[in-house]
N, C-alpha and C. Protein backbone atom coordinates (compact mmCIF):
# COMPACT_ATOMS: atom_id res chain seq x y z
N UNK A 1 -66.19 80.43 88.55
CA UNK A 1 -65.18 79.72 88.24
C UNK A 1 -63.78 79.70 89.00
N UNK A 2 -63.58 80.75 89.39
CA UNK A 2 -62.04 80.88 89.72
C UNK A 2 -62.43 80.30 91.31
N UNK A 3 -63.56 80.72 92.25
CA UNK A 3 -63.60 80.44 93.40
C UNK A 3 -63.62 78.93 93.28
N UNK A 4 -64.33 77.95 92.65
CA UNK A 4 -64.49 76.80 92.46
C UNK A 4 -62.94 76.10 92.31
N UNK A 5 -61.92 76.89 91.39
CA UNK A 5 -60.93 76.38 91.03
C UNK A 5 -60.20 76.43 92.20
N UNK A 6 -59.75 77.40 92.84
CA UNK A 6 -59.64 77.69 94.28
C UNK A 6 -59.54 76.52 95.34
N UNK A 7 -61.15 76.14 95.42
CA UNK A 7 -61.40 75.37 96.44
C UNK A 7 -60.96 73.93 96.05
N UNK A 8 -61.04 73.45 94.87
CA UNK A 8 -60.36 72.10 94.39
C UNK A 8 -58.88 72.36 94.40
N UNK A 9 -58.17 73.55 94.07
CA UNK A 9 -56.79 73.35 94.31
C UNK A 9 -56.49 73.12 95.79
N UNK A 10 -57.06 73.68 96.57
CA UNK A 10 -56.57 73.27 98.00
C UNK A 10 -57.13 72.49 98.52
N UNK A 11 -58.26 71.43 97.99
CA UNK A 11 -58.36 69.98 98.56
C UNK A 11 -56.95 69.21 97.76
N UNK A 12 -56.57 69.38 96.98
CA UNK A 12 -55.93 68.62 95.82
C UNK A 12 -54.16 69.03 96.95
N UNK A 13 -53.87 70.11 97.10
CA UNK A 13 -52.52 70.39 97.98
C UNK A 13 -52.74 69.41 99.42
N UNK A 14 -54.05 69.97 99.94
CA UNK A 14 -54.13 69.60 101.46
C UNK A 14 -53.94 67.75 101.22
N UNK A 15 -54.52 67.44 100.26
CA UNK A 15 -54.79 65.67 100.20
C UNK A 15 -53.20 65.29 99.87
N UNK A 16 -52.39 65.92 99.49
CA UNK A 16 -51.14 65.62 98.92
C UNK A 16 -50.54 65.17 97.47
N UNK A 17 -51.78 65.02 96.82
CA UNK A 17 -51.98 64.57 95.31
C UNK A 17 -51.02 65.26 94.22
N UNK A 18 -50.04 64.91 93.93
CA UNK A 18 -49.38 65.31 92.36
C UNK A 18 -49.57 65.16 91.28
N UNK A 19 -50.34 63.98 90.87
CA UNK A 19 -50.60 63.44 89.64
C UNK A 19 -52.36 63.65 89.77
N UNK A 20 -52.89 64.39 88.95
CA UNK A 20 -53.83 64.49 88.95
C UNK A 20 -54.85 64.51 87.54
N UNK A 21 -55.73 63.83 86.87
CA UNK A 21 -56.33 63.70 85.83
C UNK A 21 -57.43 64.50 85.59
N UNK A 22 -57.55 65.02 85.09
CA UNK A 22 -58.78 65.98 84.51
C UNK A 22 -59.78 65.04 83.25
N UNK A 23 -61.11 64.81 83.70
CA UNK A 23 -61.71 64.21 82.57
C UNK A 23 -63.11 65.01 82.42
N UNK A 24 -63.49 65.24 81.06
CA UNK A 24 -65.02 65.59 80.90
C UNK A 24 -66.11 64.62 81.32
N UNK A 25 -66.94 65.52 81.84
CA UNK A 25 -68.35 64.94 82.57
C UNK A 25 -69.14 64.25 80.92
N UNK A 26 -69.00 64.86 79.90
CA UNK A 26 -69.64 64.56 78.57
C UNK A 26 -68.96 65.15 77.47
N UNK A 27 -69.43 64.77 76.36
CA UNK A 27 -68.58 65.98 74.96
C UNK A 27 -68.60 67.07 74.97
N UNK A 28 -69.29 67.41 75.95
CA UNK A 28 -69.62 69.05 75.41
C UNK A 28 -68.89 70.03 76.47
N UNK A 29 -67.87 69.31 76.84
CA UNK A 29 -67.09 69.97 78.25
C UNK A 29 -65.63 70.00 77.56
N UNK A 30 -65.13 71.17 77.49
CA UNK A 30 -63.92 71.48 76.73
C UNK A 30 -62.64 71.47 78.23
N UNK A 31 -62.14 70.23 78.49
CA UNK A 31 -61.19 70.11 79.68
C UNK A 31 -60.22 71.44 79.80
N UNK A 32 -59.08 71.39 78.67
CA UNK A 32 -58.05 72.32 78.60
C UNK A 32 -58.38 73.85 79.32
N UNK A 33 -59.08 74.60 79.36
CA UNK A 33 -59.22 76.04 79.83
C UNK A 33 -59.53 75.76 81.24
N UNK A 34 -60.14 75.01 81.54
CA UNK A 34 -60.59 74.27 82.98
C UNK A 34 -59.28 73.87 83.93
N UNK A 35 -58.50 73.01 82.90
CA UNK A 35 -56.88 72.87 83.77
C UNK A 35 -56.45 73.90 83.66
N UNK A 36 -56.36 74.62 82.72
CA UNK A 36 -55.10 76.14 83.36
C UNK A 36 -55.70 77.07 84.09
N UNK A 37 -56.96 76.85 84.21
CA UNK A 37 -57.25 78.03 85.44
C UNK A 37 -56.92 76.95 86.97
N UNK A 38 -57.17 75.95 87.12
CA UNK A 38 -56.75 74.93 87.95
C UNK A 38 -55.45 74.81 88.13
N UNK A 39 -54.59 75.37 87.30
CA UNK A 39 -53.25 74.99 87.16
C UNK A 39 -52.82 76.40 87.90
N UNK A 40 -53.18 77.38 87.32
CA UNK A 40 -53.03 79.03 88.14
C UNK A 40 -53.32 78.82 89.45
N UNK A 41 -54.64 78.24 89.87
CA UNK A 41 -55.11 78.38 90.98
C UNK A 41 -54.12 77.47 92.24
N UNK A 42 -53.76 76.39 91.76
CA UNK A 42 -52.77 75.40 92.44
C UNK A 42 -51.61 76.11 92.41
N UNK A 43 -51.09 77.09 91.72
CA UNK A 43 -49.74 78.00 91.73
C UNK A 43 -50.12 78.94 92.93
N UNK A 44 -51.16 79.41 92.97
CA UNK A 44 -51.50 80.59 93.57
C UNK A 44 -51.84 80.10 95.45
N UNK A 45 -52.20 78.92 95.43
CA UNK A 45 -52.25 78.68 96.91
C UNK A 45 -51.25 77.53 97.30
N UNK A 46 -50.27 77.15 96.64
CA UNK A 46 -49.04 76.45 97.15
C UNK A 46 -47.64 77.04 96.69
N UNK A 47 -47.62 78.12 95.67
CA UNK A 47 -46.53 78.90 95.53
C UNK A 47 -45.69 77.98 95.13
N UNK A 48 -46.02 76.76 94.28
CA UNK A 48 -45.28 75.82 93.97
C UNK A 48 -45.26 75.52 92.73
N UNK A 49 -44.39 75.00 91.86
CA UNK A 49 -44.60 74.89 90.22
C UNK A 49 -45.41 73.88 90.00
N UNK A 50 -45.83 73.95 88.90
CA UNK A 50 -47.31 73.22 88.48
C UNK A 50 -47.27 72.97 87.22
N UNK A 51 -47.51 71.79 86.36
CA UNK A 51 -47.46 71.50 84.93
C UNK A 51 -49.26 71.09 84.54
N UNK A 52 -49.12 71.68 83.12
CA UNK A 52 -50.50 71.16 82.82
C UNK A 52 -49.84 70.51 81.77
N UNK A 53 -50.54 69.29 81.20
CA UNK A 53 -50.37 68.24 80.52
C UNK A 53 -51.35 68.08 79.63
N UNK A 54 -51.15 68.30 78.30
CA UNK A 54 -52.19 67.78 77.08
C UNK A 54 -51.29 66.64 76.32
N UNK A 55 -51.53 65.39 76.85
CA UNK A 55 -50.69 64.32 76.08
C UNK A 55 -51.35 63.38 74.96
N UNK A 56 -52.49 64.55 74.11
CA UNK A 56 -53.14 64.33 72.79
C UNK A 56 -52.30 64.42 71.78
N UNK A 57 -51.43 63.25 71.00
CA UNK A 57 -50.84 63.83 70.10
C UNK A 57 -51.61 63.36 68.94
N UNK A 58 -52.75 62.91 68.86
CA UNK A 58 -53.95 62.67 67.28
C UNK A 58 -54.01 63.82 66.41
N UNK A 59 -53.34 64.87 66.75
CA UNK A 59 -53.97 66.15 65.36
C UNK A 59 -52.75 66.61 65.34
N UNK A 60 -53.10 67.76 64.42
CA UNK A 60 -52.04 68.64 63.95
C UNK A 60 -51.27 69.68 64.63
N UNK A 61 -50.09 69.90 64.77
CA UNK A 61 -49.76 70.62 65.62
C UNK A 61 -48.93 72.02 65.02
N UNK A 62 -48.55 73.01 66.01
CA UNK A 62 -48.00 73.96 65.65
C UNK A 62 -46.86 74.16 66.91
N UNK A 63 -45.53 74.52 66.56
CA UNK A 63 -44.60 74.55 67.68
C UNK A 63 -44.95 75.89 67.98
N UNK A 64 -45.22 75.99 69.38
CA UNK A 64 -45.43 77.10 70.46
C UNK A 64 -44.38 78.16 70.59
N UNK A 65 -44.18 79.49 70.32
CA UNK A 65 -43.06 80.32 70.61
C UNK A 65 -42.52 80.20 71.67
N UNK A 66 -41.41 79.85 72.00
CA UNK A 66 -40.23 79.86 73.38
C UNK A 66 -40.93 78.03 73.44
N UNK A 67 -41.14 77.54 72.80
CA UNK A 67 -41.10 76.06 73.49
C UNK A 67 -39.67 75.28 73.29
N UNK A 68 -39.42 74.53 74.24
CA UNK A 68 -38.51 73.53 74.59
C UNK A 68 -38.84 72.28 74.32
N UNK A 69 -37.77 71.16 73.80
CA UNK A 69 -37.98 69.97 74.07
C UNK A 69 -38.48 69.28 75.43
N UNK A 70 -39.25 68.44 75.74
CA UNK A 70 -39.01 67.90 76.78
C UNK A 70 -38.97 66.51 76.86
N UNK A 71 -38.00 65.83 77.72
CA UNK A 71 -38.02 64.39 77.77
C UNK A 71 -37.12 63.89 76.96
N UNK A 72 -36.97 62.49 77.02
CA UNK A 72 -35.89 62.28 75.84
C UNK A 72 -36.18 62.19 74.33
N UNK A 73 -35.18 62.08 73.58
CA UNK A 73 -35.44 62.74 72.01
C UNK A 73 -36.82 61.96 71.42
N UNK A 74 -37.13 60.84 71.94
CA UNK A 74 -38.46 60.07 71.08
C UNK A 74 -39.62 60.70 71.43
N UNK A 75 -39.79 61.59 72.62
CA UNK A 75 -40.84 62.22 73.23
C UNK A 75 -41.76 63.31 71.79
N UNK A 76 -42.66 63.29 71.82
CA UNK A 76 -43.74 64.22 71.28
C UNK A 76 -44.02 65.52 71.81
N UNK A 77 -43.57 65.72 72.97
CA UNK A 77 -44.09 66.59 73.59
C UNK A 77 -43.06 67.91 73.94
N UNK A 78 -43.63 68.90 74.11
CA UNK A 78 -42.78 69.94 74.25
C UNK A 78 -43.11 70.88 75.89
N UNK A 79 -42.39 71.69 76.15
CA UNK A 79 -42.90 72.35 77.20
C UNK A 79 -42.83 74.23 77.29
N UNK A 80 -43.63 74.53 77.54
CA UNK A 80 -44.16 76.14 77.33
C UNK A 80 -44.13 76.83 78.43
N UNK A 81 -43.57 78.01 78.80
CA UNK A 81 -43.41 78.85 79.85
C UNK A 81 -44.91 79.49 80.21
N UNK A 82 -46.04 79.33 81.08
CA UNK A 82 -47.07 80.35 80.76
C UNK A 82 -46.84 81.13 82.07
N UNK A 83 -46.06 81.26 83.11
CA UNK A 83 -46.13 82.09 83.94
C UNK A 83 -44.79 81.58 84.64
N UNK A 84 -44.38 82.77 86.08
CA UNK A 84 -43.05 82.30 86.47
C UNK A 84 -43.08 80.49 87.29
N UNK A 85 -44.20 80.20 87.48
CA UNK A 85 -44.26 78.94 88.14
C UNK A 85 -45.00 77.80 87.56
N UNK A 86 -45.52 78.08 86.26
CA UNK A 86 -46.54 77.41 85.25
C UNK A 86 -46.00 76.79 84.15
N UNK A 87 -45.77 75.79 83.48
CA UNK A 87 -45.51 75.22 82.47
C UNK A 87 -46.46 74.51 81.86
N UNK A 88 -46.90 74.46 80.40
CA UNK A 88 -47.58 73.59 79.67
C UNK A 88 -46.95 72.79 78.93
N UNK A 89 -47.05 71.30 79.21
CA UNK A 89 -46.64 70.42 78.39
C UNK A 89 -47.62 69.81 77.30
N UNK A 90 -47.40 70.23 76.06
CA UNK A 90 -48.39 70.04 75.19
C UNK A 90 -47.40 69.19 73.92
N UNK A 91 -48.29 68.87 72.85
CA UNK A 91 -47.44 68.04 71.95
C UNK A 91 -46.97 68.85 70.90
N UNK A 92 -46.05 68.36 70.27
CA UNK A 92 -45.34 68.80 69.50
C UNK A 92 -45.00 68.12 68.03
N UNK A 93 -45.78 67.37 68.08
CA UNK A 93 -45.72 66.55 66.68
C UNK A 93 -47.01 65.42 66.86
N UNK A 94 -47.74 65.19 65.67
CA UNK A 94 -48.45 64.06 65.70
C UNK A 94 -48.22 62.73 66.05
N UNK A 95 -48.35 61.55 66.63
CA UNK A 95 -47.82 60.58 67.36
C UNK A 95 -48.89 59.50 66.35
N UNK A 96 -48.67 58.04 66.57
CA UNK A 96 -49.64 57.10 66.05
C UNK A 96 -50.54 56.98 66.93
N UNK A 97 -52.09 56.25 66.56
CA UNK A 97 -52.82 55.91 67.36
C UNK A 97 -52.71 55.36 68.69
N UNK A 98 -53.14 55.69 69.45
CA UNK A 98 -52.87 55.30 71.03
C UNK A 98 -51.82 56.05 71.80
N UNK A 99 -50.94 56.88 71.27
CA UNK A 99 -50.06 57.00 71.45
C UNK A 99 -49.82 58.21 72.71
N UNK A 100 -51.54 58.60 73.04
CA UNK A 100 -51.50 59.38 74.43
C UNK A 100 -51.01 58.70 75.62
N UNK A 101 -51.07 57.53 75.78
CA UNK A 101 -50.97 56.73 76.95
C UNK A 101 -49.78 57.03 77.07
N UNK A 102 -48.69 56.12 76.06
CA UNK A 102 -47.33 56.13 76.35
C UNK A 102 -46.52 57.88 76.60
N UNK A 103 -47.23 58.58 75.88
CA UNK A 103 -46.64 60.14 75.81
C UNK A 103 -47.34 60.51 77.50
N UNK A 104 -48.38 60.49 78.38
CA UNK A 104 -48.74 60.76 79.72
C UNK A 104 -47.72 59.87 80.21
N UNK A 105 -47.38 58.85 80.59
CA UNK A 105 -46.62 57.88 81.12
C UNK A 105 -44.95 58.82 81.14
N UNK A 106 -44.62 58.74 79.87
CA UNK A 106 -43.47 59.99 79.93
C UNK A 106 -42.81 61.02 80.37
N UNK A 107 -44.70 61.64 79.93
CA UNK A 107 -44.70 63.30 80.87
C UNK A 107 -44.44 63.56 82.32
N UNK A 108 -45.35 62.33 83.09
CA UNK A 108 -45.52 62.28 84.30
C UNK A 108 -44.00 61.84 84.66
N UNK A 109 -43.56 60.77 84.40
CA UNK A 109 -42.07 60.00 84.83
C UNK A 109 -41.14 61.46 85.01
N UNK A 110 -41.14 61.84 83.74
CA UNK A 110 -39.66 63.18 83.37
C UNK A 110 -40.22 64.41 84.41
N UNK A 111 -41.77 64.68 84.24
CA UNK A 111 -42.13 65.77 85.25
C UNK A 111 -42.24 65.64 86.58
N UNK A 112 -42.45 64.61 87.44
CA UNK A 112 -42.49 64.52 88.72
C UNK A 112 -41.21 65.18 89.79
N UNK A 113 -40.28 64.94 89.42
CA UNK A 113 -39.11 65.51 90.30
C UNK A 113 -39.29 67.31 90.14
N UNK A 114 -40.12 67.90 89.39
CA UNK A 114 -39.58 69.09 88.83
C UNK A 114 -40.92 69.73 89.15
N UNK A 115 -42.01 69.12 89.39
CA UNK A 115 -43.01 69.85 89.64
C UNK A 115 -43.78 69.47 91.31
N UNK A 116 -44.67 70.50 91.59
CA UNK A 116 -45.36 69.97 92.99
C UNK A 116 -46.44 69.37 92.60
N UNK A 117 -47.17 69.88 91.66
CA UNK A 117 -48.46 69.53 91.26
C UNK A 117 -48.37 69.41 89.42
N UNK A 118 -48.65 68.05 89.10
CA UNK A 118 -49.07 67.96 87.59
C UNK A 118 -50.68 67.25 87.21
N UNK A 119 -51.18 68.18 86.23
CA UNK A 119 -52.71 68.37 86.05
C UNK A 119 -52.69 67.51 84.39
N UNK A 120 -53.26 66.58 84.08
CA UNK A 120 -52.85 66.04 82.72
C UNK A 120 -54.93 65.81 82.36
N UNK A 121 -54.82 66.24 81.15
CA UNK A 121 -55.95 66.57 80.55
C UNK A 121 -56.23 65.29 79.62
N UNK A 122 -57.46 64.45 80.19
CA UNK A 122 -57.77 62.88 79.91
C UNK A 122 -58.92 63.16 78.64
N UNK A 123 -59.19 63.69 78.11
CA UNK A 123 -60.36 63.76 77.31
C UNK A 123 -59.92 62.85 76.04
N UNK A 124 -58.68 62.89 75.44
CA UNK A 124 -58.29 61.79 74.60
C UNK A 124 -58.72 60.38 75.00
N UNK A 125 -58.33 60.09 76.11
CA UNK A 125 -58.51 58.90 76.65
C UNK A 125 -59.99 58.19 76.57
N UNK A 126 -60.93 59.30 77.17
CA UNK A 126 -62.20 59.03 76.96
C UNK A 126 -62.78 58.80 75.71
N UNK A 127 -62.13 59.62 74.55
CA UNK A 127 -62.78 59.37 73.21
C UNK A 127 -62.44 58.02 72.66
N UNK A 128 -61.43 57.35 73.10
CA UNK A 128 -61.06 56.05 72.58
C UNK A 128 -61.39 54.93 73.59
N UNK A 129 -61.36 55.38 74.82
CA UNK A 129 -61.86 54.40 75.48
C UNK A 129 -60.58 53.76 76.05
N UNK A 130 -59.82 54.37 76.58
CA UNK A 130 -58.38 54.10 77.36
C UNK A 130 -58.42 54.43 78.68
N UNK A 131 -59.43 55.06 79.16
CA UNK A 131 -59.49 55.69 80.65
C UNK A 131 -58.77 54.91 81.54
N UNK A 132 -59.21 53.86 81.44
CA UNK A 132 -58.75 53.08 82.73
C UNK A 132 -57.26 52.81 82.58
N UNK A 133 -56.61 52.60 81.48
CA UNK A 133 -55.20 52.69 81.92
C UNK A 133 -54.37 53.86 82.50
N UNK A 134 -54.88 55.21 82.31
CA UNK A 134 -54.45 55.98 82.45
C UNK A 134 -54.74 56.38 84.18
N UNK A 135 -55.51 56.04 85.10
CA UNK A 135 -55.42 55.50 86.31
C UNK A 135 -54.59 55.16 86.74
N UNK A 136 -53.95 54.32 86.79
CA UNK A 136 -52.69 53.78 87.30
C UNK A 136 -51.55 54.64 87.46
N UNK A 137 -51.71 55.74 86.68
CA UNK A 137 -50.62 57.02 86.66
C UNK A 137 -50.97 57.87 87.52
N UNK A 138 -52.28 58.56 87.85
CA UNK A 138 -52.73 59.20 88.79
C UNK A 138 -52.81 59.02 90.32
N UNK A 139 -53.02 60.05 90.93
CA UNK A 139 -53.35 59.84 92.59
C UNK A 139 -54.54 60.28 92.45
N UNK A 140 -55.57 61.23 91.56
CA UNK A 140 -56.53 61.24 91.86
C UNK A 140 -57.49 61.70 90.28
N UNK A 141 -58.63 61.90 90.45
CA UNK A 141 -59.41 62.56 89.09
C UNK A 141 -60.36 63.79 89.40
N UNK A 142 -60.39 64.72 88.86
CA UNK A 142 -61.10 65.74 88.56
C UNK A 142 -61.92 65.53 87.47
N UNK A 143 -63.31 65.50 87.80
CA UNK A 143 -64.39 65.67 86.78
C UNK A 143 -64.86 67.13 86.24
N UNK A 144 -64.79 67.31 84.96
CA UNK A 144 -64.88 68.75 84.91
C UNK A 144 -66.18 68.66 84.02
N UNK A 145 -67.14 69.47 84.51
CA UNK A 145 -68.85 69.35 84.01
C UNK A 145 -69.20 70.69 84.05
N UNK A 146 -69.98 71.10 83.12
CA UNK A 146 -70.55 72.04 82.77
C UNK A 146 -71.74 72.40 83.96
N UNK A 147 -72.14 73.24 84.71
CA UNK A 147 -72.91 73.45 85.45
C UNK A 147 -74.52 73.94 84.75
N UNK A 148 -75.70 73.06 85.13
CA UNK A 148 -77.08 73.16 84.21
C UNK A 148 -76.72 72.30 82.88
N UNK A 149 -75.57 71.79 82.56
CA UNK A 149 -75.50 70.78 81.09
C UNK A 149 -75.35 69.18 81.75
N UNK A 150 -75.37 68.67 82.95
CA UNK A 150 -75.30 67.78 83.49
C UNK A 150 -75.94 67.59 84.84
N UNK A 151 -76.17 66.00 84.80
CA UNK A 151 -77.36 65.94 86.16
C UNK A 151 -76.50 64.97 86.84
N UNK A 152 -77.02 65.02 88.11
CA UNK A 152 -76.88 64.52 89.32
C UNK A 152 -76.13 62.89 88.98
N UNK A 153 -77.27 62.20 88.25
CA UNK A 153 -77.33 60.68 87.59
C UNK A 153 -75.90 60.54 86.52
N UNK A 154 -75.75 61.63 85.55
CA UNK A 154 -74.61 61.54 84.83
C UNK A 154 -73.51 61.22 85.45
N UNK A 155 -73.37 62.30 86.61
CA UNK A 155 -72.01 62.37 87.13
C UNK A 155 -71.81 60.99 88.08
N UNK A 156 -72.99 60.33 88.75
CA UNK A 156 -72.81 59.49 89.27
C UNK A 156 -72.42 57.93 88.73
N UNK A 157 -72.94 58.29 87.07
CA UNK A 157 -72.46 56.97 87.06
C UNK A 157 -71.04 57.04 86.31
N UNK A 158 -70.97 58.16 86.05
CA UNK A 158 -69.03 58.47 85.28
C UNK A 158 -68.22 58.24 86.58
N UNK A 159 -68.64 58.65 87.89
CA UNK A 159 -67.80 58.18 89.29
C UNK A 159 -68.17 56.89 89.06
N UNK A 160 -68.93 55.84 89.00
CA UNK A 160 -69.06 54.67 88.64
C UNK A 160 -68.21 53.74 87.84
N UNK A 161 -68.04 54.59 86.82
CA UNK A 161 -67.26 54.04 85.65
C UNK A 161 -65.82 54.67 85.98
N UNK A 162 -65.66 55.12 86.64
CA UNK A 162 -64.35 55.75 87.17
C UNK A 162 -63.74 55.25 88.78
N UNK A 163 -64.48 54.12 89.05
CA UNK A 163 -64.21 53.46 90.55
C UNK A 163 -62.79 53.22 90.85
N UNK A 164 -62.44 52.81 89.53
CA UNK A 164 -60.59 52.36 89.99
C UNK A 164 -59.76 53.36 90.26
N UNK A 165 -60.14 54.92 90.08
CA UNK A 165 -59.51 56.04 90.39
C UNK A 165 -59.26 56.33 92.12
N UNK A 166 -58.29 56.94 92.45
CA UNK A 166 -57.97 56.59 93.76
C UNK A 166 -59.10 57.69 94.54
N UNK A 167 -59.18 58.58 93.87
CA UNK A 167 -60.18 59.69 94.59
C UNK A 167 -60.58 60.67 93.11
N UNK A 168 -61.97 61.12 93.50
CA UNK A 168 -62.38 61.80 93.04
C UNK A 168 -63.30 63.40 93.30
N UNK A 169 -62.94 64.12 92.30
CA UNK A 169 -63.50 65.30 92.88
C UNK A 169 -64.22 66.16 91.14
N UNK A 170 -65.16 66.75 91.65
CA UNK A 170 -65.94 67.64 90.85
C UNK A 170 -65.90 68.92 90.85
N UNK A 171 -65.63 69.64 89.12
CA UNK A 171 -65.26 71.13 89.38
C UNK A 171 -66.06 71.41 87.95
N UNK A 172 -67.20 72.26 88.87
CA UNK A 172 -68.22 72.80 87.83
C UNK A 172 -67.80 73.71 87.15
N UNK A 173 -68.07 74.04 85.79
CA UNK A 173 -67.65 75.19 85.10
C UNK A 173 -69.27 76.04 84.45
N UNK A 174 -68.77 77.05 84.01
CA UNK A 174 -70.07 77.83 83.31
C UNK A 174 -71.23 77.79 84.07
């Protein structure tokens, strides 16, 4: 897994992509752990600050220890230090249905000047069928797939569904 993350991190850095969305290949994939591993790999290969963003504000939340508000007062997000150059931008409060899109836009707008790379978990966008709206905010997409649990045909179908994405890469986990 670490080698795959380093490889994808090197691709993202070489291409100069700052805002990258991570989407699950299917419902059996949890993007968040892969996103954090990829974020650590980006810090390692670039020695630059990286943020991992979870814009899903549809659930119940516990304020993380050491968290600070992120963005303007109406933001539902908070920032948590995960390492010297790694931050997680996560929900601090539940929002209305469809709030993930505006929160992602807000997070990217406020984080761009401070981070070399921004990774965003797009899982909630796929559940709501709103993933095409997120594409306009991103430089590239990384499809997160479990090895042995996804077929080439499934990946090709997802790539077709994401054809509006500027660029697509695949990260195999497990």
